[in-house]
Amino acid sequence: MDTPVYLFTGFLESGKTKFIQETLSDPNFFENGKTKILVLMCEEGEEELDPTEFASDNVYVEVLDDPKYVNSDKLTALQRKHKADIVMIEYNGMWLVQDLFAAMPDDWYVYQEVMMCDSTTIEVYNANMRNLVVDKLTSADLVVFNRCDTDTVIDDLHKIVRGVSRRADIIYQRVDGSAAYDDIEDPLPFDVEADEIVIGDSDYALFYRDLGDNMDNYDGKTVTFLGQANRDERLPKHGFIIGRPIMTCCVEDIAFSGLFCEDGAEMISAPSWIRLTAKISVKSCSVYGRKGPVLKFLSATPDSAPEDPVATFY
């Protein structure tokens, strides 16, 4: 049976331990007190879990204070030791979440990923350690900004999240104990409902991310965008790749993010910039190795590279 994992990320003193404590103190979280929960603590802050407040005795806490212990064999052994039905992880803010995903046993799956943020310090982390912030925001289902007060600029916090993820829910917890869901409208800069979706030259990164997150919204739609096209002998005979380099947080993470066009390759003699109009079909594709958005060539015209060839989310 697969094991659900509740993953809590965020930086030191962001409220992860308190959130876990409150969850484990809620009897509704347990099924008749019989559910066995393994809690893995990868970071030790000022606040500690208080087992006397847990709503069940079937909670087992283990400390993994070195990333070398975060591997499939160790994690499997700890689960078997305690016969755990559920795993909760308080992850170290200085470790990459992607490393955890790679280390998790095959029968573990992330049921919910929550990123906790101290609203008074997250902008400093975002300015100085953006790669670590982006790492955690990328896969988060929920982002909680705590310690918000009357001086907190909600719009700035919202932009930190939406610069990386459009799917994560956001909650603002105030110092008085109240909380509010984020309701800031964040429309895309192009019309997904249009007969032809025209992507502005500065909006490719937003288009590429939204297409990946909401493929069904684009299935059967026609799209026009500027991209760098290139053929490759490893691709199907008539196909080519078109896309742009995208920078998520810093120069070091720039990567070409392209889409497969299944026909029209005869017009691509060398890597070149073109303005392509194509129809999107979401289907299984050997190029992606999974289901994905495949382009059907309609038309294209040669074009020049944009002023900044590297696309960003800003």
Foldseek 3Di string as FASTA:
>chain_A
DFAEEEEEEEAAPLCRQVVVLVLQLDLVNDDVQPAAEEEEEQDDHPDDRDCVSGPHPRYHYDYDPDCVCLAQVNVVVVCVVSVHRYYYYYHHLVDFVVSNVVRHDPRYDHPAYEYGGALVCVVVCCVPVVVSVLRRLQPHQEYEHEQDDPPRDVVVVVCSNVQRDPRHWYKYAHPVGDIDTDDDDDDQPWDLPDQETEADQQRQVVVLVVCVVCVVSQAFHKYKYKWWWADDPVDPDAKIKTFFFEDSRDPVPTDTDIAMENHDCVVDPGTFIKTFIWGWHFQQDVVVPGTHTYTYGDDIDGDHQPPDRYHGSD
